[in-house]
Amino acid sequence: MRSLNDEKLNALREKYGAARGGDIYDPEFAKVAAGQFQGDRRKWPFADPATFMGAPFRPQALDENFAGLDVAVVGVPMDLGVTNRAGARLGPRAVRAVERIGPFEHVLRRAPLQRLRVADVGDVPFRSRYSLESCHEDIAAYYSKIVEAGVIPLSVGGDHSISQSILKAVGRGRPVGMVHIDAHADTSGPYEGSKFHHGGPFRQAVLDGVLDPERVIQIGIRGGAEYLWEFSFDSGMTVIHAEEFAAMGPEAVIAKAREVVGDGPTYVSFDVDSLDPAFAPGTGTPEVGGLTPREALQVLRGLKGIDVVGGDVVEVAPQYDGTTNTAHAGAQVLFTILSLIDIAHEARQARR
């Protein structure tokens, strides 16, 4: 058994023996630490009102036309579109309250809050807690202002119906592609007099002309509702079921996703029920046999360099989750999407 030689031990003692927690020597790590430490002190993660990753809170951003921002983090606490159990209206609060996220994405080598101008702008201002239709009008109007200001929206819901109205804004100038990670394809038709439900946002987005189905890949699909999703296949979307994911492996799925979305503008939509309920029980429509958080993050990180123009995490329903694991997974995914936005933003800036 090898022992630590005295010369190496002395060198480590010389370098680190009197060092403080904020004394970081690697240049890349030191840059991240400089934004976190004051001497050997860091801001307590559990102090002050919760915003996503402690980003500045700017509820007045709408009145200021989102000036000075690259990314607006938006809560959409609306779950009137659910078909099973409700509760995702509490998702934005739960995700914001997660403490152990960031600041450094170690695989993508990014600390996005140090590079991008990001603010948590609060929640979409809704006129009615009862009218699903008016809520969607409010979402579309609010996000139109974000997009018109040249700001990228990063959203936390709320049920998955919100993505339809977000895409109306994001894809208004040209239809976008999408990486959609979910247990359900969400391309079914109107139910009981409403097209605004969480089982059909992406059929409606295609019919609205804001989502290009041939640049859409849906990953992790499973469960007993396949008969409702013929639109995915008929429109030309690429569907990878959870069972196919297991057979292909994450690297092959990543390669297929990059092939499908290409180099055009792309939206990333993540439903937390894509994860197996063993990892994420806090959601309204859990489906067994899903992805692990590590697999989901691997796929997202594999999208490095695609032109991400917005993203969302939806369907976190914390009252079904006694451990907060679901909200934690959702927050980590949201941070990973933010890191992808940072990379895409840097590439766009370099082209100008």
Protein backbone atom coordinates (compact mmCIF):
# COMPACT_ATOMS: atom_id res chain seq x y z
CA MET A 1 0.00 0.00 0.00
CA ARG A 2 1.43 3.35 -1.05
CA SER A 3 1.80 6.09 1.52
CA LEU A 4 1.68 9.81 0.91
CA ASN A 5 5.27 10.94 0.57
CA ASP A 6 6.50 13.75 2.76
CA GLU A 7 7.40 16.02 -0.12
CA LYS A 8 3.91 15.94 -1.60
CA LEU A 9 2.28 16.33 1.81
CA ASN A 10 4.45 19.32 2.64
CA ALA A 11 3.60 20.94 -0.70
CA LEU A 12 -0.13 20.47 -0.06
CA ARG A 13 0.21 21.88 3.45
CA GLU A 14 2.11 24.87 2.09
CA LYS A 15 -0.56 25.58 -0.49
CA TYR A 16 -3.74 24.71 1.39
CA GLY A 17 -2.91 24.60 5.09
CA ALA A 18 -3.85 28.22 5.80
CA ALA A 19 -6.20 28.69 2.85
CA ARG A 20 -9.76 29.89 3.34
CA GLY A 21 -12.80 28.39 1.63
CA GLY A 22 -12.75 31.16 -0.94
CA ASP A 23 -9.10 30.67 -1.86
CA ILE A 24 -9.34 28.84 -5.19
CA TYR A 25 -6.27 28.47 -7.40
CA ASP A 26 -7.57 26.96 -10.63
CA PRO A 27 -8.37 29.97 -12.88
CA GLU A 28 -11.71 28.61 -14.07
CA PHE A 29 -12.86 27.69 -10.58
CA ALA A 30 -11.48 30.93 -9.12
CA LYS A 31 -13.65 32.95 -11.48
CA VAL A 32 -16.75 31.12 -10.25
CA ALA A 33 -15.69 31.45 -6.62
CA ALA A 34 -15.17 35.20 -7.00
CA GLY A 35 -18.88 35.58 -7.59
CA GLN A 36 -19.76 33.53 -4.51
CA PHE A 37 -17.33 34.37 -1.72
CA GLN A 38 -16.61 37.43 0.37
CA GLY A 39 -13.43 36.29 2.06
CA ASP A 40 -14.40 32.91 3.47
CA ARG A 41 -18.11 33.75 3.63
CA ARG A 42 -20.90 32.93 1.22
CA LYS A 43 -24.51 34.08 1.22
CA TRP A 44 -26.65 31.61 3.09
CA PRO A 45 -28.70 29.70 0.50
CA PHE A 46 -31.67 29.50 2.85
CA ALA A 47 -31.78 33.25 3.60
CA ASP A 48 -34.08 35.85 2.02
CA PRO A 49 -37.17 35.25 -0.14
CA ALA A 50 -36.61 32.48 -2.68
CA THR A 51 -35.85 33.23 -6.30
CA PHE A 52 -34.48 30.73 -8.78
CA MET A 53 -30.79 30.23 -7.92
CA GLY A 54 -30.91 33.48 -5.96
CA ALA A 55 -31.23 35.50 -9.16
CA PRO A 56 -32.23 39.15 -8.71
CA PHE A 57 -35.97 39.59 -8.24
CA ARG A 58 -37.44 42.03 -10.77
CA PRO A 59 -41.23 41.91 -10.65
CA GLN A 60 -41.26 45.35 -12.27
CA ALA A 61 -39.52 44.00 -15.41
CA LEU A 62 -42.71 44.13 -17.48
CA ASP A 63 -43.12 47.84 -16.78
CA GLU A 64 -39.47 48.34 -17.76
CA ASN A 65 -39.88 46.37 -21.00
CA PHE A 66 -37.47 43.76 -19.62
CA ALA A 67 -34.61 46.20 -20.20
CA GLY A 68 -31.11 44.99 -19.48
CA LEU A 69 -31.98 41.28 -19.45
CA ASP A 70 -30.80 38.36 -21.54
CA VAL A 71 -32.99 35.79 -19.77
CA ALA A 72 -36.23 36.17 -17.81
CA VAL A 73 -37.09 33.38 -15.38
CA VAL A 74 -40.88 33.25 -15.20
CA GLY A 75 -43.23 31.33 -12.96
CA VAL A 76 -46.53 30.14 -14.42
CA PRO A 77 -48.56 28.93 -11.41
CA MET A 78 -51.54 27.61 -13.37
CA ASP A 79 -52.82 24.03 -13.49
CA LEU A 80 -56.38 24.38 -14.75
CA GLY A 81 -55.43 22.20 -17.73
CA VAL A 82 -54.71 18.98 -15.86
CA THR A 83 -56.56 15.76 -16.70
CA ASN A 84 -55.55 13.84 -13.57
CA ARG A 85 -54.58 15.22 -10.16
CA ALA A 86 -54.00 18.95 -9.69
CA GLY A 87 -51.18 20.69 -7.82
CA ALA A 88 -48.66 21.97 -10.37
CA ARG A 89 -49.79 25.51 -9.59
CA LEU A 90 -47.43 25.21 -6.61
CA GLY A 91 -44.52 24.10 -8.79
CA PRO A 92 -42.90 27.53 -9.27
CA ARG A 93 -42.66 28.12 -5.52
CA ALA A 94 -41.27 24.64 -4.91
CA VAL A 95 -38.61 24.91 -7.61
CA ARG A 96 -37.54 28.38 -6.53
CA ALA A 97 -37.13 27.15 -2.95
CA VAL A 98 -34.54 24.52 -3.90
CA GLU A 99 -31.21 25.59 -2.45
CA ARG A 100 -28.59 23.20 -3.83
CA ILE A 101 -28.48 24.29 -7.47
CA GLY A 102 -25.51 25.87 -9.22
CA PRO A 103 -23.67 28.10 -9.56
CA PHE A 104 -21.40 25.88 -11.71
CA GLU A 105 -22.55 23.30 -14.28
CA HIS A 106 -19.59 20.97 -14.07
CA VAL A 107 -20.20 19.04 -17.31
CA LEU A 108 -20.95 22.06 -19.50
CA ARG A 109 -18.31 24.11 -17.63
CA ARG A 110 -20.64 27.06 -17.19
CA ALA A 111 -21.65 29.47 -14.43
CA PRO A 112 -24.49 31.11 -16.36
CA LEU A 113 -25.51 33.67 -13.76
CA GLN A 114 -22.04 35.17 -13.99
CA ARG A 115 -22.25 35.51 -17.76
CA LEU A 116 -25.87 36.19 -18.60
CA ARG A 117 -28.04 39.02 -17.35
CA VAL A 118 -30.70 36.94 -15.62
CA ALA A 119 -33.56 37.99 -13.38
CA ASP A 120 -36.45 36.16 -11.79
CA VAL A 121 -39.29 38.38 -12.95
CA GLY A 122 -41.95 36.70 -10.82
CA ASP A 123 -45.10 35.07 -12.11
CA VAL A 124 -47.36 35.71 -15.07
CA PRO A 125 -50.07 38.12 -13.86
CA PHE A 126 -53.34 36.26 -14.36
CA ARG A 127 -56.73 37.94 -14.42
CA SER A 128 -58.74 34.91 -13.32
CA ARG A 129 -57.90 31.82 -11.29
CA TYR A 130 -60.98 30.12 -12.75
CA SER A 131 -60.85 30.65 -16.52
CA LEU A 132 -58.44 28.38 -18.38
CA GLU A 133 -58.99 30.28 -21.61
CA SER A 134 -58.23 33.70 -20.13
CA CYS A 135 -55.13 32.29 -18.41
CA HIS A 136 -53.79 31.26 -21.81
CA GLU A 137 -54.55 34.69 -23.22
CA ASP A 138 -52.55 36.18 -20.35
CA ILE A 139 -49.61 33.79 -20.91
CA ALA A 140 -49.45 34.55 -24.63
CA ALA A 141 -49.63 38.32 -24.05
CA TYR A 142 -46.96 38.31 -21.33
CA TYR A 143 -44.50 36.17 -23.26
CA SER A 144 -45.03 38.22 -26.41
CA LYS A 145 -43.64 41.19 -24.52
CA ILE A 146 -40.62 39.18 -23.36
CA VAL A 147 -39.83 37.97 -26.86
CA GLU A 148 -40.42 41.39 -28.43
CA ALA A 149 -37.84 42.78 -25.98
CA GLY A 150 -35.26 40.31 -27.32
CA VAL A 151 -35.19 38.37 -24.04
CA ILE A 152 -35.18 34.57 -23.76
CA PRO A 153 -37.89 33.12 -21.49
CA LEU A 154 -37.08 30.30 -19.07
CA SER A 155 -40.24 29.08 -17.40
CA VAL A 156 -41.39 26.91 -14.53
CA GLY A 157 -44.97 25.72 -14.42
CA GLY A 158 -47.66 24.95 -13.95
CA ASP A 159 -49.15 22.21 -16.08
CA HIS A 160 -47.91 21.42 -19.57
CA SER A 161 -50.71 23.29 -21.30
CA ILE A 162 -48.71 26.50 -20.66
CA SER A 163 -46.19 25.53 -23.35
CA GLN A 164 -48.73 26.08 -26.11
CA SER A 165 -49.14 29.77 -25.34
CA ILE A 166 -45.44 30.27 -24.62
CA LEU A 167 -44.67 28.82 -28.06
CA LYS A 168 -47.15 31.26 -29.62
CA ALA A 169 -44.74 33.99 -28.60
CA VAL A 170 -41.42 32.19 -29.06
CA GLY A 171 -42.35 30.81 -32.49
CA ARG A 172 -44.32 33.74 -33.80
CA GLY A 173 -41.62 35.05 -36.15
CA ARG A 174 -40.73 31.55 -37.42
CA PRO A 175 -41.68 28.07 -36.29
CA VAL A 176 -39.20 26.55 -33.87
CA GLY A 177 -37.97 23.01 -33.31
CA MET A 178 -38.25 21.33 -29.96
CA VAL A 179 -36.59 18.79 -27.71
CA HIS A 180 -39.48 17.46 -25.61
CA ILE A 181 -38.70 15.13 -22.70
CA ASP A 182 -41.86 13.66 -21.22
CA ALA A 183 -43.79 10.51 -20.41
CA HIS A 184 -46.58 11.70 -22.72
CA ALA A 185 -46.50 13.03 -26.27
CA ASP A 186 -49.12 15.72 -25.49
CA THR A 187 -50.48 15.84 -29.03
CA SER A 188 -54.08 14.78 -28.42
CA GLY A 189 -57.11 16.79 -29.50
CA PRO A 190 -59.54 19.03 -27.64
CA TYR A 191 -61.44 17.52 -24.72
CA GLU A 192 -64.80 18.54 -23.37
CA GLY A 193 -64.88 21.81 -25.23
CA SER A 194 -61.32 22.99 -24.58
CA LYS A 195 -58.09 22.75 -26.56
CA PHE A 196 -56.20 24.18 -23.56
CA HIS A 197 -55.27 21.08 -21.61
CA HIS A 198 -51.95 19.51 -20.77
CA GLY A 199 -52.48 16.54 -23.08
CA GLY A 200 -52.47 18.55 -26.30
CA PRO A 201 -50.26 21.66 -26.33
CA PHE A 202 -47.98 20.50 -29.11
CA ARG A 203 -50.71 19.54 -31.57
CA GLN A 204 -52.11 23.02 -31.12
CA ALA A 205 -48.67 24.65 -31.44
CA VAL A 206 -48.16 22.90 -34.80
CA LEU A 207 -51.62 23.94 -35.98
CA ASP A 208 -50.87 27.49 -34.81
CA GLY A 209 -47.85 27.47 -37.15
CA VAL A 210 -45.31 28.12 -34.38
CA LEU A 211 -43.81 24.62 -34.00
CA ASP A 212 -42.18 22.69 -36.85
CA PRO A 213 -43.12 19.03 -36.27
CA GLU A 214 -40.30 17.70 -38.43
CA ARG A 215 -37.86 19.40 -36.05
CA VAL A 216 -39.47 17.94 -32.91
CA ILE A 217 -38.15 14.98 -30.96
CA GLN A 218 -40.13 13.50 -28.07
CA ILE A 219 -38.10 11.43 -25.60
CA GLY A 220 -39.24 9.07 -22.84
CA ILE A 221 -42.80 8.48 -24.09
CA ARG A 222 -44.68 5.62 -22.42
CA GLY A 223 -47.91 4.62 -20.71
CA GLY A 224 -51.34 3.57 -21.85
CA ALA A 225 -52.40 6.64 -23.84
CA GLU A 226 -50.45 5.97 -27.06
CA TYR A 227 -53.73 5.78 -28.99
CA LEU A 228 -54.24 9.51 -28.35
CA TRP A 229 -51.00 10.62 -29.98
CA GLU A 230 -51.30 9.71 -33.65
CA PHE A 231 -50.74 13.38 -34.46
CA SER A 232 -47.09 13.02 -33.41
CA PHE A 233 -46.52 10.35 -36.04
CA ASP A 234 -48.79 11.85 -38.70
CA SER A 235 -47.12 15.27 -38.47
CA GLY A 236 -43.57 13.90 -38.69
CA MET A 237 -42.39 14.20 -35.11
CA THR A 238 -39.68 11.80 -33.97
CA VAL A 239 -40.86 9.75 -30.99
CA ILE A 240 -38.49 7.77 -28.78
CA HIS A 241 -40.34 5.68 -26.25
CA ALA A 242 -38.83 4.96 -22.87
CA GLU A 243 -38.24 1.35 -23.89
CA GLU A 244 -36.44 2.49 -27.04
CA PHE A 245 -34.37 4.88 -24.96
CA ALA A 246 -33.15 1.97 -22.85
CA ALA A 247 -32.25 -0.05 -25.96
CA MET A 248 -30.56 2.83 -27.81
CA GLY A 249 -28.68 4.35 -24.89
CA PRO A 250 -28.31 8.08 -24.13
CA GLU A 251 -25.54 8.78 -26.66
CA ALA A 252 -27.59 7.48 -29.59
CA VAL A 253 -30.61 9.47 -28.38
CA ILE A 254 -28.48 12.61 -28.18
CA ALA A 255 -27.21 12.06 -31.71
CA LYS A 256 -30.76 11.63 -32.97
CA ALA A 257 -31.96 14.74 -31.16
CA ARG A 258 -29.17 16.84 -32.65
CA GLU A 259 -29.97 15.46 -36.10
CA VAL A 260 -33.66 16.26 -35.75
CA VAL A 261 -33.41 19.84 -34.47
CA GLY A 262 -30.38 20.77 -36.57
CA ASP A 263 -29.01 24.28 -36.27
CA GLY A 264 -32.32 26.14 -36.22
CA PRO A 265 -33.99 27.83 -33.23
CA THR A 266 -35.05 25.21 -30.70
CA TYR A 267 -37.25 25.16 -27.61
CA VAL A 268 -36.63 22.70 -24.76
CA SER A 269 -39.67 21.45 -22.83
CA PHE A 270 -39.21 19.14 -19.85
CA ASP A 271 -42.09 17.48 -18.06
CA VAL A 272 -40.93 16.12 -14.72
CA ASP A 273 -43.11 13.04 -15.24
CA SER A 274 -40.53 11.94 -17.83
CA LEU A 275 -38.61 10.74 -14.78
CA ASP A 276 -39.60 7.49 -13.18
CA PRO A 277 -41.84 8.15 -10.15
CA ALA A 278 -39.24 6.40 -8.01
CA PHE A 279 -37.22 9.61 -8.51
CA ALA A 280 -40.00 12.14 -9.06
CA PRO A 281 -43.28 11.19 -7.36
CA GLY A 282 -44.45 14.79 -7.07
CA THR A 283 -46.35 15.11 -10.33
CA GLY A 284 -49.92 14.83 -11.53
CA THR A 285 -49.63 11.99 -14.05
CA PRO A 286 -46.84 9.64 -12.93
CA GLU A 287 -45.89 6.77 -15.27
CA VAL A 288 -43.67 3.90 -14.16
CA GLY A 289 -40.72 2.85 -16.31
CA GLY A 290 -39.26 6.30 -16.87
CA LEU A 291 -35.87 7.93 -17.14
CA THR A 292 -33.48 8.45 -14.28
CA PRO A 293 -32.42 12.01 -13.47
CA ARG A 294 -28.88 11.15 -14.60
CA GLU A 295 -30.14 9.97 -18.00
CA ALA A 296 -32.27 13.08 -18.46
CA LEU A 297 -29.39 15.38 -17.55
CA GLN A 298 -27.05 13.47 -19.85
CA VAL A 299 -29.41 14.04 -22.77
CA LEU A 300 -29.79 17.73 -21.99
CA ARG A 301 -26.06 18.25 -21.64
CA GLY A 302 -25.62 16.48 -24.95
CA LEU A 303 -27.54 19.32 -26.60
CA LYS A 304 -24.61 21.68 -26.04
CA GLY A 305 -24.35 24.12 -28.92
CA ILE A 306 -27.89 23.90 -30.30
CA ASP A 307 -29.70 27.22 -30.70
CA VAL A 308 -31.87 27.22 -27.58
CA VAL A 309 -34.37 30.10 -27.68
CA GLY A 310 -36.41 29.19 -24.60
CA GLY A 311 -37.33 26.38 -22.27
CA ASP A 312 -39.61 25.22 -19.53
CA VAL A 313 -39.93 22.73 -16.69
CA VAL A 314 -43.50 21.75 -15.91
CA GLU A 315 -45.77 19.50 -13.84
CA VAL A 316 -43.95 19.69 -10.49
CA ALA A 317 -46.72 19.09 -7.94
CA PRO A 318 -44.94 19.24 -4.58
CA GLN A 319 -47.79 18.07 -2.37
CA TYR A 320 -47.31 14.52 -3.70
CA ASP A 321 -43.61 14.55 -2.87
CA GLY A 322 -42.60 14.03 0.76
CA THR A 323 -38.87 14.41 0.05
CA THR A 324 -38.76 17.48 -2.28
CA ASN A 325 -36.83 15.27 -4.74
CA THR A 326 -39.17 16.17 -7.60
CA ALA A 327 -38.68 19.91 -7.16
CA HIS A 328 -34.94 19.35 -6.81
CA ALA A 329 -34.84 17.42 -10.08
CA GLY A 330 -36.89 20.13 -11.78
CA ALA A 331 -34.60 22.88 -10.52
CA GLN A 332 -31.51 21.04 -11.71
CA VAL A 333 -33.04 20.60 -15.16
CA LEU A 334 -33.98 24.29 -15.27
CA PHE A 335 -30.39 25.19 -14.41
CA THR A 336 -29.08 22.88 -17.13
CA ILE A 337 -31.37 24.50 -19.71
CA LEU A 338 -30.11 27.90 -18.53
CA SER A 339 -26.55 26.68 -19.14
CA LEU A 340 -27.53 25.62 -22.67
CA ILE A 341 -29.03 29.07 -23.21
CA ASP A 342 -25.75 30.61 -22.05
CA ILE A 343 -23.80 28.60 -24.62
CA ALA A 344 -26.25 29.47 -27.41
CA HIS A 345 -26.22 33.16 -26.40
CA GLU A 346 -22.44 33.23 -26.56
CA ALA A 347 -22.51 31.71 -30.05
CA ARG A 348 -25.07 34.27 -31.25
CA GLN A 349 -22.99 37.11 -29.86
CA ALA A 350 -19.89 35.79 -31.64
CA ARG A 351 -21.73 35.78 -34.97
CA ARG A 352 -22.70 39.45 -34.67
